[in-house]
Every structure is written in structure tokens, then in C-alpha cells.
Amino acid sequence: MRLNDPQVWTLLGIFAAVMLGGMTLMTTQLSRVIRVEVDRIDATLSARIDGLDTALSARIDGLDTALSTRIDGLDARLGRIESKVDDLDKELTNLVMRFWRSQ
């Protein structure tokens, strides 16, 4: 078969067009599949991250409440200690004043 017949060149052109069209179709379909899978993975990860965010927010709020309660308790205890130290300071000042006046 010689390659100078018009039918051969026509068949070669048709074959090349079919192959290019098939490659284009497969590339388009593969691109769509990849896009759908990436969107699915994105949705799954977003849902998991939202769940973790909610759980962590709840735990952090619980810890904040617990720490606030403990800090308030410590503040009250320090207030009592401060008032006792002030009372001791007044008593010591009175004792010193008595001692120095007596001499």
C-alpha cells in the first residue's frame, strides 16, 4: 500500500482526529473525577475540623470555668491573708510604740 493515495491520507487524518478527540474526552473526564474527589475530601475534612473545633471549644470553656473558679478562690484566700497581715502589722506597730514610749 502506497501512502500517496488520498484514501490513506483521509484515513490517517480521521484516525488522528479520533485519537485526539478520545484523549481530549478522557482528559476532561479525568479532570471532572479529580475535581469531584477533591471536593469530597474537602467536605470530609471540613466536617472533621468543625467537629474538632466544637469539641476543643467546649473543653476550653470548661477549663476556663474551672480556672476562673480556682482563681476566685485563691483571690478570696489572699484577701483573708492580706487582712491578717494588716492586722498583724497594726498590732506590731502598737507593741513597738508601747515599747519605745516605756523607755
C-alpha atoms as a PDB file:
ATOM      1  CA  MET A   1       0.000   0.000   0.000  1.00  0.00           C
ATOM      2  CA  ARG A   2       1.413   3.279  -1.073  1.00  0.00           C
ATOM      3  CA  LEU A   3       0.984   6.433   1.020  1.00  0.00           C
ATOM      4  CA  ASN A   4       0.172   8.685  -1.891  1.00  0.00           C
ATOM      5  CA  ASP A   5      -3.447   7.526  -2.225  1.00  0.00           C
ATOM      6  CA  PRO A   6      -5.986  10.107  -0.952  1.00  0.00           C
ATOM      7  CA  GLN A   7      -7.977   7.452   0.911  1.00  0.00           C
ATOM      8  CA  VAL A   8      -4.941   6.559   3.019  1.00  0.00           C
ATOM      9  CA  TRP A   9      -4.359  10.196   3.998  1.00  0.00           C
ATOM     10  CA  THR A  10      -8.063  10.582   4.749  1.00  0.00           C
ATOM     11  CA  LEU A  11      -7.971   7.517   6.998  1.00  0.00           C
ATOM     12  CA  LEU A  12      -4.824   8.783   8.700  1.00  0.00           C
ATOM     13  CA  GLY A  13      -6.480  12.157   9.329  1.00  0.00           C
ATOM     14  CA  ILE A  14      -9.629  10.521  10.693  1.00  0.00           C
ATOM     15  CA  PHE A  15      -7.540   8.244  12.923  1.00  0.00           C
ATOM     16  CA  ALA A  16      -5.551  11.225  14.258  1.00  0.00           C
ATOM     17  CA  ALA A  17      -8.753  13.216  14.861  1.00  0.00           C
ATOM     18  CA  VAL A  18     -10.376  10.268  16.683  1.00  0.00           C
ATOM     19  CA  MET A  19      -7.284   9.746  18.835  1.00  0.00           C
ATOM     20  CA  LEU A  20      -7.044  13.459  19.717  1.00  0.00           C
ATOM     21  CA  GLY A  21     -10.786  13.578  20.429  1.00  0.00           C
ATOM     22  CA  GLY A  22     -10.539  10.478  22.620  1.00  0.00           C
ATOM     23  CA  MET A  23      -7.590  11.915  24.518  1.00  0.00           C
ATOM     24  CA  THR A  24      -9.476  15.183  24.989  1.00  0.00           C
ATOM     25  CA  LEU A  25     -12.565  13.327  26.230  1.00  0.00           C
ATOM     26  CA  MET A  26     -10.533  11.202  28.644  1.00  0.00           C
ATOM     27  CA  THR A  27      -8.652  14.258  29.941  1.00  0.00           C
ATOM     28  CA  THR A  28     -11.927  16.102  30.526  1.00  0.00           C
ATOM     29  CA  GLN A  29     -13.482  13.129  32.318  1.00  0.00           C
ATOM     30  CA  LEU A  30     -10.374  12.618  34.452  1.00  0.00           C
ATOM     31  CA  SER A  31     -10.379  16.298  35.353  1.00  0.00           C
ATOM     32  CA  ARG A  32     -14.018  16.080  36.452  1.00  0.00           C
ATOM     33  CA  VAL A  33     -13.387  12.963  38.533  1.00  0.00           C
ATOM     34  CA  ILE A  34     -10.403  14.563  40.233  1.00  0.00           C
ATOM     35  CA  ARG A  35     -12.401  17.718  40.968  1.00  0.00           C
ATOM     36  CA  VAL A  36     -15.272  15.701  42.488  1.00  0.00           C
ATOM     37  CA  GLU A  37     -12.893  13.653  44.643  1.00  0.00           C
ATOM     38  CA  VAL A  38     -11.057  16.738  45.862  1.00  0.00           C
ATOM     39  CA  ASP A  39     -14.395  18.374  46.760  1.00  0.00           C
ATOM     40  CA  ARG A  40     -15.455  15.219  48.624  1.00  0.00           C
ATOM     41  CA  ILE A  41     -12.207  15.125  50.590  1.00  0.00           C
ATOM     42  CA  ASP A  42     -12.539  18.851  51.319  1.00  0.00           C
ATOM     43  CA  ALA A  43     -16.074  18.354  52.654  1.00  0.00           C
ATOM     44  CA  THR A  44     -14.977  15.410  54.806  1.00  0.00           C
ATOM     45  CA  LEU A  45     -12.028  17.283  56.249  1.00  0.00           C
ATOM     46  CA  SER A  46     -14.131  20.389  56.846  1.00  0.00           C
ATOM     47  CA  ALA A  47     -16.680  18.331  58.775  1.00  0.00           C
ATOM     48  CA  ARG A  48     -13.969  16.711  60.887  1.00  0.00           C
ATOM     49  CA  ILE A  49     -12.267  20.025  61.573  1.00  0.00           C
ATOM     50  CA  ASP A  50     -15.599  21.594  62.579  1.00  0.00           C
ATOM     51  CA  GLY A  51     -16.215  18.677  64.939  1.00  0.00           C
ATOM     52  CA  LEU A  52     -12.784  19.071  66.496  1.00  0.00           C
ATOM     53  CA  ASP A  53     -13.293  22.815  66.783  1.00  0.00           C
ATOM     54  CA  THR A  54     -16.569  22.303  68.629  1.00  0.00           C
ATOM     55  CA  ALA A  55     -15.049  19.701  70.959  1.00  0.00           C
ATOM     56  CA  LEU A  56     -11.999  21.820  71.697  1.00  0.00           C
ATOM     57  CA  SER A  57     -14.108  24.914  72.292  1.00  0.00           C
ATOM     58  CA  ALA A  58     -16.226  23.016  74.811  1.00  0.00           C
ATOM     59  CA  ARG A  59     -13.144  21.696  76.627  1.00  0.00           C
ATOM     60  CA  ILE A  60     -11.506  25.113  76.667  1.00  0.00           C
ATOM     61  CA  ASP A  61     -14.689  26.686  78.037  1.00  0.00           C
ATOM     62  CA  GLY A  62     -14.789  24.021  80.761  1.00  0.00           C
ATOM     63  CA  LEU A  63     -11.171  24.667  81.666  1.00  0.00           C
ATOM     64  CA  ASP A  64     -11.784  28.415  81.662  1.00  0.00           C
ATOM     65  CA  THR A  65     -14.681  27.996  84.077  1.00  0.00           C
ATOM     66  CA  ALA A  66     -12.654  25.706  86.347  1.00  0.00           C
ATOM     67  CA  LEU A  67      -9.657  28.015  86.343  1.00  0.00           C
ATOM     68  CA  SER A  68     -11.818  31.067  86.973  1.00  0.00           C
ATOM     69  CA  THR A  69     -13.375  29.326  89.969  1.00  0.00           C
ATOM     70  CA  ARG A  70      -9.977  28.380  91.358  1.00  0.00           C
ATOM     71  CA  ILE A  71      -8.565  31.853  90.776  1.00  0.00           C
ATOM     72  CA  ASP A  72     -11.551  33.399  92.539  1.00  0.00           C
ATOM     73  CA  GLY A  73     -10.963  31.034  95.474  1.00  0.00           C
ATOM     74  CA  LEU A  74      -7.295  31.978  95.577  1.00  0.00           C
ATOM     75  CA  ASP A  75      -8.206  35.643  95.408  1.00  0.00           C
ATOM     76  CA  ALA A  76     -10.503  35.254  98.407  1.00  0.00           C
ATOM     77  CA  ARG A  77      -7.794  33.398 100.351  1.00  0.00           C
ATOM     78  CA  LEU A  78      -5.219  36.056  99.508  1.00  0.00           C
ATOM     79  CA  GLY A  79      -7.677  38.724 100.651  1.00  0.00           C
ATOM     80  CA  ARG A  80      -8.009  36.995 104.009  1.00  0.00           C
ATOM     81  CA  ILE A  81      -4.230  36.643 104.298  1.00  0.00           C
ATOM     82  CA  GLU A  82      -3.807  40.307 103.419  1.00  0.00           C
ATOM     83  CA  SER A  83      -6.262  41.372 106.107  1.00  0.00           C
ATOM     84  CA  LYS A  84      -4.474  39.158 108.674  1.00  0.00           C
ATOM     85  CA  VAL A  85      -1.105  40.643 107.701  1.00  0.00           C
ATOM     86  CA  ASP A  86      -2.585  44.138 108.036  1.00  0.00           C
ATOM     87  CA  ASP A  87      -3.920  43.233 111.479  1.00  0.00           C
ATOM     88  CA  LEU A  88      -0.527  41.849 112.489  1.00  0.00           C
ATOM     89  CA  ASP A  89       1.147  44.999 111.196  1.00  0.00           C
ATOM     90  CA  LYS A  90      -1.157  47.174 113.333  1.00  0.00           C
ATOM     91  CA  GLU A  91      -0.569  45.045 116.410  1.00  0.00           C
ATOM     92  CA  LEU A  92       3.190  45.093 115.876  1.00  0.00           C
ATOM     93  CA  THR A  93       3.113  48.850 115.399  1.00  0.00           C
ATOM     94  CA  ASN A  94       1.172  49.218 118.668  1.00  0.00           C
ATOM     95  CA  LEU A  95       3.636  46.965 120.501  1.00  0.00           C
ATOM     96  CA  VAL A  96       6.614  48.898 119.159  1.00  0.00           C
ATOM     97  CA  MET A  97       5.020  52.201 120.099  1.00  0.00           C
ATOM     98  CA  ARG A  98       4.370  50.937 123.647  1.00  0.00           C
ATOM     99  CA  PHE A  99       7.867  49.583 123.972  1.00  0.00           C
ATOM    100  CA  TRP A 100       9.555  52.781 122.780  1.00  0.00           C
ATOM    101  CA  ARG A 101       7.357  55.006 124.954  1.00  0.00           C
ATOM    102  CA  SER A 102       8.055  52.938 128.012  1.00  0.00           C
ATOM    103  CA  GLN A 103      11.780  53.534 127.786  1.00  0.00           C
END
